[in-house]
PDB file of N, CA and C in Angstrom:
ATOM      1  N   UNK A   1     -15.777  25.187  12.277  1.00  0.00           N
ATOM      2  CA  UNK A   1     -14.647  24.637  11.616  1.00  0.00           C
ATOM      3  C   UNK A   1     -14.767  23.117  11.503  1.00  0.00           C
ATOM      4  N   UNK A   2     -13.986  22.607  10.629  1.00  0.00           N
ATOM      5  CA  UNK A   2     -13.964  21.166  10.390  1.00  0.00           C
ATOM      6  C   UNK A   2     -12.532  20.674  10.543  1.00  0.00           C
ATOM      7  N   UNK A   3     -12.390  19.578  11.233  1.00  0.00           N
ATOM      8  CA  UNK A   3     -11.075  18.964  11.380  1.00  0.00           C
ATOM      9  C   UNK A   3     -11.121  17.538  10.873  1.00  0.00           C
ATOM     10  N   UNK A   4      -9.992  17.048  10.473  1.00  0.00           N
ATOM     11  CA  UNK A   4      -9.923  15.663   9.998  1.00  0.00           C
ATOM     12  C   UNK A   4      -8.640  15.027  10.514  1.00  0.00           C
ATOM     13  N   UNK A   5      -8.769  13.824  10.981  1.00  0.00           N
ATOM     14  CA  UNK A   5      -7.608  13.072  11.434  1.00  0.00           C
ATOM     15  C   UNK A   5      -7.610  11.756  10.668  1.00  0.00           C
ATOM     16  N   UNK A   6      -6.621  11.557   9.840  1.00  0.00           N
ATOM     17  CA  UNK A   6      -6.566  10.313   9.073  1.00  0.00           C
ATOM     18  C   UNK A   6      -5.601   9.354   9.747  1.00  0.00           C
ATOM     19  N   UNK A   7      -5.908   8.091   9.657  1.00  0.00           N
ATOM     20  CA  UNK A   7      -5.035   7.062  10.202  1.00  0.00           C
ATOM     21  C   UNK A   7      -4.669   6.121   9.077  1.00  0.00           C
ATOM     22  N   UNK A   8      -3.423   5.991   8.847  1.00  0.00           N
ATOM     23  CA  UNK A   8      -2.901   5.071   7.844  1.00  0.00           C
ATOM     24  C   UNK A   8      -3.498   5.308   6.454  1.00  0.00           C
ATOM     25  N   UNK A   9      -3.363   6.528   5.920  1.00  0.00           N
ATOM     26  CA  UNK A   9      -3.949   6.813   4.611  1.00  0.00           C
ATOM     27  C   UNK A   9      -3.361   5.980   3.473  1.00  0.00           C
ATOM     28  N   UNK A  10      -2.182   5.405   3.687  1.00  0.00           N
ATOM     29  CA  UNK A  10      -1.571   4.567   2.649  1.00  0.00           C
ATOM     30  C   UNK A  10      -1.643   3.092   3.015  1.00  0.00           C
ATOM     31  N   UNK A  11      -2.604   2.745   3.872  1.00  0.00           N
ATOM     32  CA  UNK A  11      -2.857   1.344   4.245  1.00  0.00           C
ATOM     33  C   UNK A  11      -1.584   0.645   4.724  1.00  0.00           C
ATOM     34  N   UNK A  12      -0.935   1.255   5.707  1.00  0.00           N
ATOM     35  CA  UNK A  12       0.296   0.681   6.294  1.00  0.00           C
ATOM     36  C   UNK A  12       1.396   0.483   5.261  1.00  0.00           C
ATOM     37  N   UNK A  13       1.424   1.298   4.232  1.00  0.00           N
ATOM     38  CA  UNK A  13       2.466   1.197   3.211  1.00  0.00           C
ATOM     39  C   UNK A  13       2.080   0.378   1.996  1.00  0.00           C
ATOM     40  N   UNK A  14       0.946  -0.295   2.056  1.00  0.00           N
ATOM     41  CA  UNK A  14       0.530  -1.149   0.937  1.00  0.00           C
ATOM     42  C   UNK A  14       0.331  -0.311  -0.324  1.00  0.00           C
ATOM     43  N   UNK A  15      -0.292   0.858  -0.174  1.00  0.00           N
ATOM     44  CA  UNK A  15      -0.563   1.706  -1.337  1.00  0.00           C
ATOM     45  C   UNK A  15       0.710   2.362  -1.870  1.00  0.00           C
ATOM     46  N   UNK A  16       1.776   2.348  -1.084  1.00  0.00           N
ATOM     47  CA  UNK A  16       3.038   2.929  -1.559  1.00  0.00           C
ATOM     48  C   UNK A  16       3.639   2.120  -2.700  1.00  0.00           C
ATOM     49  N   UNK A  17       3.221   0.866  -2.819  1.00  0.00           N
ATOM     50  CA  UNK A  17       3.738   0.007  -3.877  1.00  0.00           C
ATOM     51  C   UNK A  17       4.946  -0.819  -3.474  1.00  0.00           C
ATOM     52  N   UNK A  18       5.459  -0.595  -2.261  1.00  0.00           N
ATOM     53  CA  UNK A  18       6.680  -1.308  -1.875  1.00  0.00           C
ATOM     54  C   UNK A  18       6.467  -2.792  -1.628  1.00  0.00           C
ATOM     55  N   UNK A  19       5.220  -3.220  -1.533  1.00  0.00           N
ATOM     56  CA  UNK A  19       4.942  -4.638  -1.318  1.00  0.00           C
ATOM     57  C   UNK A  19       4.440  -5.329  -2.584  1.00  0.00           C
ATOM     58  N   UNK A  20       4.583  -4.685  -3.716  1.00  0.00           N
ATOM     59  CA  UNK A  20       4.111  -5.237  -4.981  1.00  0.00           C
ATOM     60  C   UNK A  20       4.771  -6.551  -5.372  1.00  0.00           C
ATOM     61  N   UNK A  21       5.990  -6.755  -4.923  1.00  0.00           N
ATOM     62  CA  UNK A  21       6.720  -7.993  -5.239  1.00  0.00           C
ATOM     63  C   UNK A  21       7.010  -8.799  -3.985  1.00  0.00           C
ATOM     64  N   UNK A  22       6.113  -8.735  -3.021  1.00  0.00           N
ATOM     65  CA  UNK A  22       6.327  -9.456  -1.772  1.00  0.00           C
ATOM     66  C   UNK A  22       6.759  -8.510  -0.666  1.00  0.00           C
ATOM     67  N   UNK A  23       7.221  -9.077   0.423  1.00  0.00           N
ATOM     68  CA  UNK A  23       7.598  -8.297   1.599  1.00  0.00           C
ATOM     69  C   UNK A  23       9.126  -8.211   1.681  1.00  0.00           C
ATOM     70  N   UNK A  24       9.699  -7.030   1.404  1.00  0.00           N
ATOM     71  CA  UNK A  24      11.151  -6.884   1.508  1.00  0.00           C
ATOM     72  C   UNK A  24      11.617  -7.096   2.953  1.00  0.00           C
ATOM     73  N   UNK A  25      12.768  -7.703   3.123  1.00  0.00           N
ATOM     74  CA  UNK A  25      13.285  -7.980   4.468  1.00  0.00           C
ATOM     75  C   UNK A  25      13.548  -6.704   5.255  1.00  0.00           C
ATOM     76  N   UNK A  26      13.788  -5.603   4.568  1.00  0.00           N
ATOM     77  CA  UNK A  26      14.072  -4.336   5.244  1.00  0.00           C
ATOM     78  C   UNK A  26      12.799  -3.552   5.584  1.00  0.00           C
ATOM     79  N   UNK A  27      11.640  -4.104   5.289  1.00  0.00           N
ATOM     80  CA  UNK A  27      10.389  -3.375   5.515  1.00  0.00           C
ATOM     81  C   UNK A  27       9.808  -3.662   6.894  1.00  0.00           C
ATOM     82  N   UNK A  28       8.926  -2.784   7.313  1.00  0.00           N
ATOM     83  CA  UNK A  28       8.246  -2.936   8.593  1.00  0.00           C
ATOM     84  C   UNK A  28       7.474  -4.246   8.653  1.00  0.00           C
ATOM     85  N   UNK A  29       6.872  -4.649   7.556  1.00  0.00           N
ATOM     86  CA  UNK A  29       6.058  -5.871   7.531  1.00  0.00           C
ATOM     87  C   UNK A  29       6.891  -7.128   7.757  1.00  0.00           C
ATOM     88  N   UNK A  30       8.203  -7.024   7.628  1.00  0.00           N
ATOM     89  CA  UNK A  30       9.074  -8.178   7.859  1.00  0.00           C
ATOM     90  C   UNK A  30       9.387  -8.363   9.347  1.00  0.00           C
ATOM     91  N   UNK A  31       9.078  -7.364  10.156  1.00  0.00           N
ATOM     92  CA  UNK A  31       9.336  -7.461  11.593  1.00  0.00           C
ATOM     93  C   UNK A  31       8.334  -8.398  12.259  1.00  0.00           C
ATOM     94  N   UNK A  32       8.796  -9.087  13.274  1.00  0.00           N
ATOM     95  CA  UNK A  32       7.944 -10.058  13.967  1.00  0.00           C
ATOM     96  C   UNK A  32       6.683  -9.403  14.553  1.00  0.00           C
ATOM     97  N   UNK A  33       6.820  -8.184  15.056  1.00  0.00           N
ATOM     98  CA  UNK A  33       5.667  -7.510  15.664  1.00  0.00           C
ATOM     99  C   UNK A  33       4.637  -7.055  14.624  1.00  0.00           C
ATOM    100  N   UNK A  34       4.999  -7.141  13.340  1.00  0.00           N
ATOM    101  CA  UNK A  34       4.069  -6.793  12.261  1.00  0.00           C
ATOM    102  C   UNK A  34       3.686  -8.014  11.433  1.00  0.00           C
ATOM    103  N   UNK A  35       3.698  -9.163  12.062  1.00  0.00           N
ATOM    104  CA  UNK A  35       3.334 -10.406  11.373  1.00  0.00           C
ATOM    105  C   UNK A  35       1.934 -10.296  10.762  1.00  0.00           C
ATOM    106  N   UNK A  36       1.035  -9.613  11.464  1.00  0.00           N
ATOM    107  CA  UNK A  36      -0.337  -9.443  10.968  1.00  0.00           C
ATOM    108  C   UNK A  36      -0.345  -8.706   9.626  1.00  0.00           C
ATOM    109  N   UNK A  37       0.565  -7.733   9.475  1.00  0.00           N
ATOM    110  CA  UNK A  37       0.638  -6.975   8.226  1.00  0.00           C
ATOM    111  C   UNK A  37       1.189  -7.851   7.104  1.00  0.00           C
ATOM    112  N   UNK A  38       2.220  -8.618   7.411  1.00  0.00           N
ATOM    113  CA  UNK A  38       2.792  -9.524   6.413  1.00  0.00           C
ATOM    114  C   UNK A  38       1.739 -10.516   5.937  1.00  0.00           C
ATOM    115  N   UNK A  39       0.977 -11.070   6.874  1.00  0.00           N
ATOM    116  CA  UNK A  39      -0.075 -12.023   6.505  1.00  0.00           C
ATOM    117  C   UNK A  39      -1.130 -11.365   5.628  1.00  0.00           C
ATOM    118  N   UNK A  40      -1.444 -10.117   5.934  1.00  0.00           N
ATOM    119  CA  UNK A  40      -2.422  -9.376   5.124  1.00  0.00           C
ATOM    120  C   UNK A  40      -1.901  -9.170   3.700  1.00  0.00           C
ATOM    121  N   UNK A  41      -0.630  -8.848   3.577  1.00  0.00           N
ATOM    122  CA  UNK A  41      -0.030  -8.569   2.269  1.00  0.00           C
ATOM    123  C   UNK A  41       0.043  -9.819   1.407  1.00  0.00           C
ATOM    124  N   UNK A  42       0.426 -10.950   2.009  1.00  0.00           N
ATOM    125  CA  UNK A  42       0.621 -12.169   1.218  1.00  0.00           C
ATOM    126  C   UNK A  42      -0.649 -13.004   1.077  1.00  0.00           C
ATOM    127  N   UNK A  43      -1.727 -12.556   1.706  1.00  0.00           N
ATOM    128  CA  UNK A  43      -2.994 -13.285   1.590  1.00  0.00           C
ATOM    129  C   UNK A  43      -3.576 -13.142   0.182  1.00  0.00           C
ATOM    130  N   UNK A  44      -4.574 -13.932  -0.108  1.00  0.00           N
ATOM    131  CA  UNK A  44      -5.242 -13.835  -1.415  1.00  0.00           C
ATOM    132  C   UNK A  44      -5.813 -12.438  -1.618  1.00  0.00           C
ATOM    133  N   UNK A  45      -6.433 -11.898  -0.581  1.00  0.00           N
ATOM    134  CA  UNK A  45      -6.999 -10.551  -0.672  1.00  0.00           C
ATOM    135  C   UNK A  45      -5.892  -9.517  -0.890  1.00  0.00           C
ATOM    136  N   UNK A  46      -4.766  -9.703  -0.220  1.00  0.00           N
ATOM    137  CA  UNK A  46      -3.632  -8.799  -0.393  1.00  0.00           C
ATOM    138  C   UNK A  46      -3.099  -8.824  -1.815  1.00  0.00           C
ATOM    139  N   UNK A  47      -3.041 -10.006  -2.401  1.00  0.00           N
ATOM    140  CA  UNK A  47      -2.576 -10.117  -3.793  1.00  0.00           C
ATOM    141  C   UNK A  47      -3.563  -9.436  -4.742  1.00  0.00           C
ATOM    142  N   UNK A  48      -4.855  -9.554  -4.447  1.00  0.00           N
ATOM    143  CA  UNK A  48      -5.864  -8.873  -5.269  1.00  0.00           C
ATOM    144  C   UNK A  48      -5.686  -7.357  -5.180  1.00  0.00           C
ATOM    145  N   UNK A  49      -5.365  -6.868  -3.977  1.00  0.00           N
ATOM    146  CA  UNK A  49      -5.130  -5.434  -3.806  1.00  0.00           C
ATOM    147  C   UNK A  49      -3.939  -4.975  -4.636  1.00  0.00           C
ATOM    148  N   UNK A  50      -2.892  -5.787  -4.687  1.00  0.00           N
ATOM    149  CA  UNK A  50      -1.711  -5.425  -5.469  1.00  0.00           C
ATOM    150  C   UNK A  50      -2.043  -5.337  -6.960  1.00  0.00           C
ATOM    151  N   UNK A  51      -2.902  -6.228  -7.439  1.00  0.00           N
ATOM    152  CA  UNK A  51      -3.330  -6.179  -8.844  1.00  0.00           C
ATOM    153  C   UNK A  51      -4.090  -4.878  -9.105  1.00  0.00           C
ATOM    154  N   UNK A  52      -4.960  -4.507  -8.183  1.00  0.00           N
ATOM    155  CA  UNK A  52      -5.715  -3.262  -8.334  1.00  0.00           C
ATOM    156  C   UNK A  52      -4.783  -2.058  -8.348  1.00  0.00           C
ATOM    157  N   UNK A  53      -3.758  -2.098  -7.492  1.00  0.00           N
ATOM    158  CA  UNK A  53      -2.798  -0.996  -7.465  1.00  0.00           C
ATOM    159  C   UNK A  53      -2.049  -0.882  -8.786  1.00  0.00           C
ATOM    160  N   UNK A  54      -1.686  -2.020  -9.361  1.00  0.00           N
ATOM    161  CA  UNK A  54      -1.006  -1.993 -10.661  1.00  0.00           C
ATOM    162  C   UNK A  54      -1.919  -1.405 -11.729  1.00  0.00           C
ATOM    163  N   UNK A  55      -3.228  -1.658 -11.607  1.00  0.00           N
ATOM    164  CA  UNK A  55      -4.188  -1.087 -12.550  1.00  0.00           C
ATOM    165  C   UNK A  55      -4.303   0.429 -12.386  1.00  0.00           C
ATOM    166  N   UNK A  56      -4.075   0.929 -11.178  1.00  0.00           N
ATOM    167  CA  UNK A  56      -4.172   2.365 -10.920  1.00  0.00           C
ATOM    168  C   UNK A  56      -2.906   3.124 -11.310  1.00  0.00           C
ATOM    169  N   UNK A  57      -1.798   2.429 -11.421  1.00  0.00           N
ATOM    170  CA  UNK A  57      -0.520   3.086 -11.736  1.00  0.00           C
ATOM    171  C   UNK A  57      -0.557   3.913 -13.014  1.00  0.00           C
ATOM    172  N   UNK A  58      -1.143   3.411 -14.119  1.00  0.00           N
ATOM    173  CA  UNK A  58      -1.202   4.236 -15.335  1.00  0.00           C
ATOM    174  C   UNK A  58      -2.014   5.522 -15.145  1.00  0.00           C
ATOM    175  N   UNK A  59      -3.020   5.471 -14.296  1.00  0.00           N
ATOM    176  CA  UNK A  59      -3.829   6.668 -14.030  1.00  0.00           C
ATOM    177  C   UNK A  59      -2.974   7.708 -13.315  1.00  0.00           C
ATOM    178  N   UNK A  60      -2.232   7.262 -12.301  1.00  0.00           N
ATOM    179  CA  UNK A  60      -1.345   8.177 -11.582  1.00  0.00           C
ATOM    180  C   UNK A  60      -0.309   8.764 -12.532  1.00  0.00           C
ATOM    181  N   UNK A  61       0.243   7.923 -13.374  1.00  0.00           N
ATOM    182  CA  UNK A  61       1.249   8.374 -14.338  1.00  0.00           C
ATOM    183  C   UNK A  61       0.673   9.436 -15.277  1.00  0.00           C
ATOM    184  N   UNK A  62      -0.535   9.175 -15.769  1.00  0.00           N
ATOM    185  CA  UNK A  62      -1.191  10.119 -16.679  1.00  0.00           C
ATOM    186  C   UNK A  62      -1.439  11.466 -16.001  1.00  0.00           C
ATOM    187  N   UNK A  63      -1.727  11.435 -14.700  1.00  0.00           N
ATOM    188  CA  UNK A  63      -1.982  12.662 -13.957  1.00  0.00           C
ATOM    189  C   UNK A  63      -0.695  13.325 -13.466  1.00  0.00           C
ATOM    190  N   UNK A  64       0.423  12.653 -13.681  1.00  0.00           N
ATOM    191  CA  UNK A  64       1.703  13.215 -13.267  1.00  0.00           C
ATOM    192  C   UNK A  64       1.950  13.147 -11.770  1.00  0.00           C
ATOM    193  N   UNK A  65       1.449  12.098 -11.152  1.00  0.00           N
ATOM    194  CA  UNK A  65       1.657  11.941  -9.718  1.00  0.00           C
ATOM    195  C   UNK A  65       2.019  10.491  -9.392  1.00  0.00           C
ATOM    196  N   UNK A  66       2.403  10.270  -8.162  1.00  0.00           N
ATOM    197  CA  UNK A  66       2.724   8.916  -7.720  1.00  0.00           C
ATOM    198  C   UNK A  66       1.451   8.228  -7.246  1.00  0.00           C
ATOM    199  N   UNK A  67       1.523   6.951  -7.070  1.00  0.00           N
ATOM    200  CA  UNK A  67       0.373   6.198  -6.563  1.00  0.00           C
ATOM    201  C   UNK A  67      -0.043   6.678  -5.165  1.00  0.00           C
ATOM    202  N   UNK A  68       0.906   6.898  -4.243  1.00  0.00           N
ATOM    203  CA  UNK A  68       0.503   7.439  -2.941  1.00  0.00           C
ATOM    204  C   UNK A  68      -0.157   8.814  -3.046  1.00  0.00           C
ATOM    205  N   UNK A  69       0.332   9.663  -3.943  1.00  0.00           N
ATOM    206  CA  UNK A  69      -0.294  10.978  -4.121  1.00  0.00           C
ATOM    207  C   UNK A  69      -1.715  10.834  -4.646  1.00  0.00           C
ATOM    208  N   UNK A  70      -1.919   9.912  -5.552  1.00  0.00           N
ATOM    209  CA  UNK A  70      -3.256   9.662  -6.086  1.00  0.00           C
ATOM    210  C   UNK A  70      -4.189   9.185  -4.975  1.00  0.00           C
ATOM    211  N   UNK A  71      -3.680   8.338  -4.104  1.00  0.00           N
ATOM    212  CA  UNK A  71      -4.497   7.779  -3.025  1.00  0.00           C
ATOM    213  C   UNK A  71      -4.930   8.835  -2.018  1.00  0.00           C
ATOM    214  N   UNK A  72      -4.028   9.756  -1.729  1.00  0.00           N
ATOM    215  CA  UNK A  72      -4.336  10.775  -0.725  1.00  0.00           C
ATOM    216  C   UNK A  72      -5.112  11.899  -1.375  1.00  0.00           C
TER     217      UNK A  72
END
């Protein structure tokens, strides 16, 4: 048999799209203990990831699924 254990398949919520316009105050990344995640999201690399996600959105739409569904 084969087993698989995935960890953070949506990249701590980044792939969910909720950070596309910055870090909402109600999100996990806004908490002090997740400062590392906030820094990752607002970094240059994080902004590049958001652009890539926006590019993938039409593909998900065409397939009739959400961006997180496409990712998984």
